Amino acid sequence: MGYQERRVKMIAAQAAPHLELGEQIQTGFIALTGPGIFTTPWTVVVTDRSILVVHRGQVRRGPRDVVFGEPKGLHHTIHLDRAYKVNRQFYPELATADEALRKMQSTDPGDGR
């Protein structure tokens, strides 16, 4: 099993106890808070219903309507319950999350289309 597969399994395992019945993971990545070398890693899990921020068994659940935007440089800052830095190795996951949100919004039966 390669690094990518291990990372996906790790993120899914951390999110599993916090998912609601029927909730589906769309993507996940690691984000950092804190200055310089004193950073704290957080697991960010994007589902079809919300965005979960998991750390040491604790979870914060936020709205799914967050657009992460086009990342640039070594780290991209995202704003959830606080500012998080996402390393460029996770930029494909940010793009996946934004694309999934666009698809959800375009098929929302409540949008009048």
Protein backbone atom coordinates (compact mmCIF):
# COMPACT_ATOMS: atom_id res chain seq x y z
CA MET A 1 0.00 0.00 0.00
CA GLY A 2 1.41 3.36 -1.06
CA TYR A 3 1.57 6.64 0.82
CA GLN A 4 -1.57 8.03 -0.82
CA GLU A 5 -3.65 4.99 0.11
CA ARG A 6 -2.39 5.03 3.71
CA ARG A 7 -3.21 8.71 4.00
CA VAL A 8 -6.77 8.16 2.72
CA LYS A 9 -7.30 5.30 5.19
CA MET A 10 -5.94 7.37 8.08
CA ILE A 11 -8.23 10.30 7.31
CA ALA A 12 -11.27 8.02 6.94
CA ALA A 13 -10.47 6.27 10.24
CA GLN A 14 -10.19 9.57 12.10
CA ALA A 15 -13.49 10.80 10.65
CA ALA A 16 -15.52 7.58 11.02
CA PRO A 17 -16.60 8.01 14.67
CA HIS A 18 -17.85 11.53 13.92
CA LEU A 19 -19.88 10.91 10.77
CA GLU A 20 -23.66 11.06 10.82
CA LEU A 21 -25.69 8.17 9.45
CA GLY A 22 -25.32 8.13 5.66
CA GLU A 23 -22.79 10.96 5.57
CA GLN A 24 -20.20 10.47 2.81
CA ILE A 25 -16.57 11.62 2.83
CA GLN A 26 -15.69 13.61 -0.29
CA THR A 27 -12.04 14.30 0.56
CA GLY A 28 -9.71 15.07 3.43
CA PHE A 29 -6.34 16.59 4.17
CA ILE A 30 -4.00 17.71 6.92
CA ALA A 31 -3.88 21.40 7.88
CA LEU A 32 -1.63 23.21 10.35
CA THR A 33 -2.06 25.96 12.92
CA GLY A 34 0.55 27.74 14.97
CA PRO A 35 3.71 29.69 14.30
CA GLY A 36 6.89 28.32 12.73
CA ILE A 37 8.05 24.98 14.08
CA PHE A 38 5.36 24.99 16.79
CA THR A 39 2.58 23.91 14.46
CA THR A 40 -0.31 21.63 15.34
CA PRO A 41 -1.68 19.22 12.72
CA TRP A 42 -5.44 18.96 12.22
CA THR A 43 -7.32 16.52 10.02
CA VAL A 44 -9.88 18.29 7.84
CA VAL A 45 -12.56 16.00 6.44
CA VAL A 46 -14.95 17.31 3.81
CA THR A 47 -18.25 15.43 3.58
CA ASP A 48 -21.43 15.86 1.61
CA ARG A 49 -22.98 17.61 4.65
CA SER A 50 -20.25 19.48 6.51
CA ILE A 51 -16.57 20.08 7.11
CA LEU A 52 -15.10 18.30 10.11
CA VAL A 53 -11.92 19.43 11.83
CA VAL A 54 -10.55 16.54 13.90
CA HIS A 55 -7.75 16.66 16.47
CA ARG A 56 -7.03 14.16 19.23
CA GLY A 57 -10.48 12.61 19.10
CA GLN A 58 -12.26 15.97 19.28
CA VAL A 59 -14.25 17.29 16.34
CA ARG A 60 -15.56 20.65 15.19
CA ARG A 61 -18.32 20.52 12.61
CA GLY A 62 -18.77 23.45 10.25
CA PRO A 63 -20.92 24.27 7.23
CA ARG A 64 -20.23 22.63 3.87
CA ASP A 65 -20.56 25.87 1.90
CA VAL A 66 -16.88 26.86 2.28
CA VAL A 67 -14.96 27.46 -0.96
CA PHE A 68 -11.23 26.94 -0.43
CA GLY A 69 -10.18 28.82 -3.57
CA GLU A 70 -7.24 28.34 -5.89
CA PRO A 71 -4.15 27.56 -3.82
CA LYS A 72 -0.78 29.10 -4.62
CA GLY A 73 2.70 28.88 -3.15
CA LEU A 74 3.99 26.45 -0.55
CA HIS A 75 1.05 26.90 1.84
CA HIS A 76 -2.51 28.03 1.24
CA THR A 77 -4.47 29.56 4.10
CA ILE A 78 -8.06 28.44 4.59
CA HIS A 79 -10.51 29.90 7.10
CA LEU A 80 -12.84 27.62 9.02
CA ASP A 81 -13.20 28.07 12.79
CA ARG A 82 -9.70 29.63 12.59
CA ALA A 83 -7.00 30.04 9.96
CA TYR A 84 -5.27 26.84 8.81
CA LYS A 85 -2.28 26.40 6.54
CA VAL A 86 -2.51 23.65 3.92
CA ASN A 87 0.71 22.36 2.36
CA ARG A 88 0.85 22.15 -1.42
CA GLN A 89 0.88 18.34 -1.28
CA PHE A 90 -2.84 18.62 -0.40
CA TYR A 91 -3.79 21.09 -3.16
CA PRO A 92 -5.51 18.35 -5.21
CA GLU A 93 -7.77 17.67 -2.21
CA LEU A 94 -8.70 21.36 -2.00
CA ALA A 95 -9.63 21.30 -5.69
CA THR A 96 -11.65 18.11 -5.17
CA ALA A 97 -13.58 19.73 -2.31
CA ASP A 98 -14.37 22.86 -4.32
CA GLU A 99 -15.46 20.81 -7.35
CA ALA A 100 -17.72 18.61 -5.19
CA LEU A 101 -19.34 21.75 -3.71
CA ARG A 102 -19.93 23.19 -7.20
CA LYS A 103 -21.62 19.94 -8.26
CA MET A 104 -23.76 19.86 -5.12
CA GLN A 105 -24.87 23.46 -5.66
CA SER A 106 -25.69 22.90 -9.34
CA THR A 107 -27.90 19.91 -8.53
CA ASP A 108 -29.59 21.40 -5.46
CA PRO A 109 -33.35 21.04 -6.04
CA GLY A 110 -33.98 24.11 -3.89
CA ASP A 111 -32.10 26.47 -6.20
CA GLY A 112 -34.98 26.86 -8.69
CA ARG A 113 -33.34 25.10 -11.63
